[in-house]
Amino acid sequence: MNISQIQPIVNEPVLFLKNKKILVIADLHIGIDSELINYGIFQKDHTQKMIKHFLTICEKQKPNNIILLGDIKHNIPNTSYRERKDIKKFFEQIKNIAYIHIVPGNHDGFIEKIAHPDIKIFSSKGLILENIGFVHGHRWPSNDIMNCKQIIMAHTHPCIIFRDRLNHKTYEPCWVKSKCIKEKLKEKYPDSKNPTLLIIPAFNKLCGGIPINEDKVIGPLGKIIDLKIADIFLLDGTNVGRLEKFKKIKIC
């Protein structure tokens, strides 16, 4: 697959592989709104609005395949009745649109008991499609994944912090594109050719984010990714540039 065919959808935390008509989303965390209610934070119908929004994206892009790149559900280890109901409804709504493939994340325990039989569930070590590896990012990928030309991962909910002169902070979700630090990569994967890493923003807006410009990428690959050379892109397509240069900029 030509990497130029891999394109984020403008203003959406969704990846589209044009020539194969594959949509990739991650970190839906269905059920997080019910957990927030326990803390006195009420988001009316958030899950249904999120699912409806994704269905609108599907109607526009008309995918043949959908890859759910982990953390479909939120609560662990238990799953509430409402959460199971919402997840089943989500699967029912999308299974007739395209073939569904799941790469489980750390929140997806027992997802196979909720998923429709027609949905394909892969190992959490990842899925390979035409020399592109798909992983959630909460565990070390397999050697085969690390020998791919490109790896698409999630888990870290990347965002970037903008500060004004009064130190007011604004958080913006972002895409992160980088490589691994060669020396650290070879220690763990001696035969790897250092694939390009692309980190997907979380689809669920309630998830919050991990600030990339504070040198944070969670998960094992966060230990070896080279953030100094990372290219940062906002959801609207703005190229913020290399992270090492952006960190020197003061927003007035």
Protein backbone atom coordinates (compact mmCIF):
# COMPACT_ATOMS: atom_id res chain seq x y z
CA MET A 1 0.00 0.00 0.00
CA ASN A 2 1.29 3.45 -0.92
CA ILE A 3 1.72 5.50 2.26
CA SER A 4 0.46 8.57 0.39
CA GLN A 5 -2.93 6.84 0.32
CA ILE A 6 -3.09 7.01 4.13
CA GLN A 7 -4.87 10.26 4.97
CA PRO A 8 -6.48 11.69 8.11
CA ILE A 9 -9.98 13.03 7.50
CA VAL A 10 -9.93 16.81 7.95
CA ASN A 11 -11.26 17.92 11.35
CA GLU A 12 -11.84 14.34 12.45
CA PRO A 13 -9.68 11.96 14.55
CA VAL A 14 -10.21 9.34 11.84
CA LEU A 15 -7.80 7.82 9.35
CA PHE A 16 -8.83 6.81 5.84
CA LEU A 17 -6.86 4.44 3.63
CA LYS A 18 -8.09 5.58 0.25
CA ASN A 19 -7.13 2.79 -2.11
CA LYS A 20 -8.54 0.11 0.19
CA LYS A 21 -11.43 2.25 1.50
CA ILE A 22 -10.59 1.46 5.13
CA LEU A 23 -11.62 3.70 8.03
CA VAL A 24 -9.50 3.52 11.18
CA ILE A 25 -10.68 4.90 14.53
CA ALA A 26 -9.48 4.35 18.07
CA ASP A 27 -10.32 5.01 21.70
CA LEU A 28 -14.10 5.29 21.61
CA HIS A 29 -14.22 4.43 25.34
CA ILE A 30 -17.94 3.72 25.20
CA GLY A 31 -19.11 3.88 28.80
CA ILE A 32 -16.89 6.70 30.03
CA ASP A 33 -19.89 9.03 30.24
CA SER A 34 -21.64 6.73 32.71
CA GLU A 35 -18.48 6.66 34.82
CA LEU A 36 -18.29 10.46 34.81
CA ILE A 37 -21.85 10.61 36.15
CA ASN A 38 -20.53 8.99 39.32
CA TYR A 39 -18.29 12.04 39.72
CA GLY A 40 -21.15 14.47 39.18
CA ILE A 41 -20.34 15.18 35.51
CA PHE A 42 -23.37 14.63 33.30
CA GLN A 43 -23.06 14.42 29.51
CA LYS A 44 -26.53 13.85 28.10
CA ASP A 45 -26.66 11.25 25.31
CA HIS A 46 -22.92 11.65 24.63
CA THR A 47 -22.39 8.05 23.48
CA GLN A 48 -25.31 8.12 21.05
CA LYS A 49 -24.18 11.47 19.64
CA MET A 50 -20.66 10.08 19.16
CA ILE A 51 -21.95 6.97 17.40
CA LYS A 52 -24.26 9.05 15.21
CA HIS A 53 -21.32 11.25 14.27
CA PHE A 54 -19.25 8.22 13.26
CA LEU A 55 -22.15 6.90 11.17
CA THR A 56 -22.23 10.25 9.36
CA ILE A 57 -18.53 9.87 8.56
CA CYS A 58 -19.20 6.38 7.24
CA GLU A 59 -22.01 7.64 5.02
CA LYS A 60 -19.65 10.19 3.49
CA GLN A 61 -16.58 7.96 3.06
CA LYS A 62 -18.40 4.68 2.24
CA PRO A 63 -15.71 2.34 3.63
CA ASN A 64 -15.44 -1.34 2.74
CA ASN A 65 -13.64 -2.09 6.01
CA ILE A 66 -13.52 -0.47 9.45
CA ILE A 67 -10.61 -1.06 11.85
CA LEU A 68 -11.39 -0.33 15.49
CA LEU A 69 -7.94 0.20 16.95
CA GLY A 70 -8.65 -0.58 20.56
CA ASP A 71 -10.42 0.70 23.67
CA ILE A 72 -13.90 0.39 22.25
CA LYS A 73 -15.22 -0.04 25.78
CA HIS A 74 -14.14 1.93 28.82
CA ASN A 75 -14.77 0.31 32.18
CA ILE A 76 -12.38 -2.37 33.43
CA PRO A 77 -12.47 -5.07 34.62
CA ASN A 78 -16.28 -5.01 34.82
CA THR A 79 -18.69 -3.78 32.17
CA SER A 80 -21.94 -2.13 33.19
CA TYR A 81 -25.30 -3.14 31.72
CA ARG A 82 -25.64 0.23 29.99
CA GLU A 83 -22.14 -0.02 28.54
CA ARG A 84 -22.77 -3.51 27.12
CA LYS A 85 -26.06 -2.28 25.66
CA ASP A 86 -24.43 0.75 24.02
CA ILE A 87 -21.56 -1.33 22.58
CA LYS A 88 -23.89 -3.96 21.16
CA LYS A 89 -26.02 -1.24 19.60
CA PHE A 90 -22.89 0.33 18.09
CA PHE A 91 -21.82 -3.00 16.57
CA GLU A 92 -25.30 -3.60 15.19
CA GLN A 93 -25.27 -0.20 13.51
CA ILE A 94 -21.89 -0.53 11.83
CA LYS A 95 -21.68 -4.23 10.92
CA ASN A 96 -23.94 -3.70 7.89
CA ILE A 97 -21.85 -0.78 6.65
CA ALA A 98 -18.52 -2.58 6.24
CA TYR A 99 -16.45 -5.50 7.47
CA ILE A 100 -15.38 -4.80 11.07
CA HIS A 101 -11.92 -5.64 12.41
CA ILE A 102 -10.95 -5.15 16.06
CA VAL A 103 -7.44 -4.86 17.46
CA PRO A 104 -8.17 -4.96 21.21
CA GLY A 105 -6.85 -2.36 23.61
CA ASN A 106 -6.22 -2.52 27.34
CA HIS A 107 -9.86 -1.62 28.09
CA ASP A 108 -11.29 -4.32 25.81
CA GLY A 109 -11.32 -7.34 28.11
CA PHE A 110 -14.03 -9.84 27.11
CA ILE A 111 -14.91 -7.75 24.05
CA GLU A 112 -15.41 -11.02 22.18
CA LYS A 113 -18.43 -11.73 24.40
CA ILE A 114 -20.05 -8.47 23.32
CA ALA A 115 -19.03 -8.34 19.66
CA HIS A 116 -21.27 -9.68 16.92
CA PRO A 117 -20.11 -13.05 15.45
CA ASP A 118 -19.47 -11.39 12.07
CA ILE A 119 -16.83 -9.09 13.59
CA LYS A 120 -13.20 -10.22 13.28
CA ILE A 121 -11.14 -9.85 16.45
CA PHE A 122 -7.36 -10.00 16.13
CA SER A 123 -4.60 -10.46 18.68
CA SER A 124 -3.72 -7.41 20.77
CA LYS A 125 -0.20 -7.82 19.35
CA GLY A 126 -1.52 -6.27 16.16
CA LEU A 127 -2.82 -6.64 12.63
CA ILE A 128 -0.76 -6.40 9.44
CA LEU A 129 -2.26 -5.17 6.18
CA GLU A 130 0.00 -4.71 3.16
CA ASN A 131 3.12 -3.86 5.16
CA ILE A 132 1.27 -1.57 7.55
CA GLY A 133 1.01 -2.63 11.18
CA PHE A 134 -2.02 -1.70 13.29
CA VAL A 135 -1.66 -1.84 17.08
CA HIS A 136 -3.46 -0.26 19.99
CA GLY A 137 -0.18 0.56 21.70
CA HIS A 138 -0.56 -0.77 25.25
CA ARG A 139 1.91 -3.64 24.76
CA TRP A 140 5.05 -4.32 22.79
CA PRO A 141 4.18 -5.16 19.17
CA SER A 142 5.30 -8.42 17.60
CA ASN A 143 8.52 -8.61 15.56
CA ASP A 144 6.43 -8.86 12.40
CA ILE A 145 4.66 -5.60 13.24
CA MET A 146 7.99 -3.85 13.86
CA ASN A 147 9.23 -5.02 10.46
CA CYS A 148 6.41 -3.21 8.67
CA LYS A 149 7.05 -0.04 6.72
CA GLN A 150 4.58 1.92 8.85
CA ILE A 151 2.81 1.40 12.16
CA ILE A 152 -0.48 3.03 13.10
CA MET A 153 -1.15 3.12 16.84
CA ALA A 154 -3.48 4.67 19.40
CA HIS A 155 -3.69 4.45 23.21
CA THR A 156 -1.90 7.69 24.10
CA HIS A 157 -4.70 10.16 23.14
CA PRO A 158 -2.15 12.68 21.80
CA CYS A 159 -2.77 16.38 22.20
CA ILE A 160 -0.68 19.53 22.21
CA ILE A 161 -0.80 22.35 24.75
CA PHE A 162 -0.90 25.99 23.65
CA ARG A 163 -0.10 28.57 26.34
CA ASP A 164 -0.71 32.31 26.16
CA ARG A 165 1.31 34.93 28.00
CA LEU A 166 -0.95 34.54 31.04
CA ASN A 167 -0.14 30.81 31.00
CA HIS A 168 -3.72 29.93 30.05
CA LYS A 169 -3.66 26.46 28.52
CA THR A 170 -5.58 25.22 25.50
CA TYR A 171 -5.48 21.55 24.62
CA GLU A 172 -5.80 20.48 20.99
CA PRO A 173 -5.90 16.83 19.83
CA CYS A 174 -3.23 16.07 17.26
CA TRP A 175 -1.63 13.49 15.03
CA VAL A 176 1.96 12.49 15.77
CA LYS A 177 4.30 11.16 13.10
CA SER A 178 7.79 10.02 14.02
CA LYS A 179 10.40 7.28 14.11
CA CYS A 180 12.00 5.32 16.92
CA ILE A 181 15.35 6.16 18.51
CA LYS A 182 17.59 3.79 16.57
CA GLU A 183 19.74 2.66 19.48
CA LYS A 184 16.75 1.86 21.70
CA LEU A 185 14.90 0.21 18.82
CA LYS A 186 17.79 -2.16 18.09
CA GLU A 187 17.94 -3.21 21.73
CA LYS A 188 14.36 -4.45 21.57
CA TYR A 189 14.00 -5.29 17.87
CA PRO A 190 17.44 -5.96 16.34
CA ASP A 191 16.06 -6.67 12.85
CA SER A 192 13.59 -3.79 12.64
CA LYS A 193 14.09 -1.24 9.85
CA ASN A 194 12.64 1.57 11.96
CA PRO A 195 9.08 2.00 10.64
CA THR A 196 7.26 5.31 10.58
CA LEU A 197 4.93 5.62 13.58
CA LEU A 198 1.61 7.44 13.28
CA ILE A 199 -0.38 8.01 16.48
CA ILE A 200 -4.15 8.52 16.14
CA PRO A 201 -6.05 10.96 18.39
CA ALA A 202 -8.85 9.56 20.55
CA PHE A 203 -12.28 9.55 18.90
CA ASN A 204 -14.12 10.15 22.17
CA LYS A 205 -13.75 13.80 23.21
CA LEU A 206 -14.33 12.94 26.87
CA CYS A 207 -11.12 10.92 27.05
CA GLY A 208 -8.83 13.89 27.49
CA GLY A 209 -5.33 13.73 26.09
CA ILE A 210 -1.65 13.26 26.81
CA PRO A 211 0.38 16.42 26.02
CA ILE A 212 3.00 15.56 23.43
CA ASN A 213 4.91 18.80 24.02
CA GLU A 214 5.53 17.64 27.56
CA ASP A 215 7.38 14.63 26.14
CA LYS A 216 4.70 12.12 26.94
CA VAL A 217 3.66 9.06 24.96
CA ILE A 218 2.17 6.29 27.05
CA GLY A 219 2.70 2.62 26.35
CA PRO A 220 5.85 0.61 25.60
CA LEU A 221 6.59 2.34 22.29
CA GLY A 222 6.67 5.60 24.23
CA LYS A 223 10.00 4.41 25.64
CA ILE A 224 11.65 4.29 22.23
CA ILE A 225 9.81 6.82 20.05
CA ASP A 226 11.93 9.83 19.05
CA LEU A 227 9.79 12.84 19.98
CA LYS A 228 12.56 15.27 19.03
CA ILE A 229 11.90 14.61 15.36
CA ALA A 230 8.13 14.13 15.68
CA ASP A 231 5.92 16.03 13.22
CA ILE A 232 2.69 17.33 14.76
CA PHE A 233 -0.54 17.92 12.83
CA LEU A 234 -3.77 19.39 14.20
CA LEU A 235 -7.12 17.93 13.21
CA ASP A 236 -7.72 20.72 10.70
CA GLY A 237 -4.55 19.72 8.87
CA THR A 238 -2.31 22.45 10.29
CA ASN A 239 1.29 21.28 10.32
CA VAL A 240 2.67 22.54 13.61
CA GLY A 241 6.10 21.31 12.56
CA ARG A 242 8.76 19.43 14.42
CA LEU A 243 8.08 19.10 18.11
CA GLU A 244 11.59 20.18 19.11
CA LYS A 245 11.09 23.51 17.33
CA PHE A 246 7.52 24.03 18.50
CA LYS A 247 8.54 23.73 22.16
CA LYS A 248 10.72 26.83 21.73
CA ILE A 249 7.82 28.96 20.47
CA LYS A 250 6.01 31.26 22.90
CA ILE A 251 2.37 31.97 22.06
CA CYS A 252 1.58 35.64 22.85
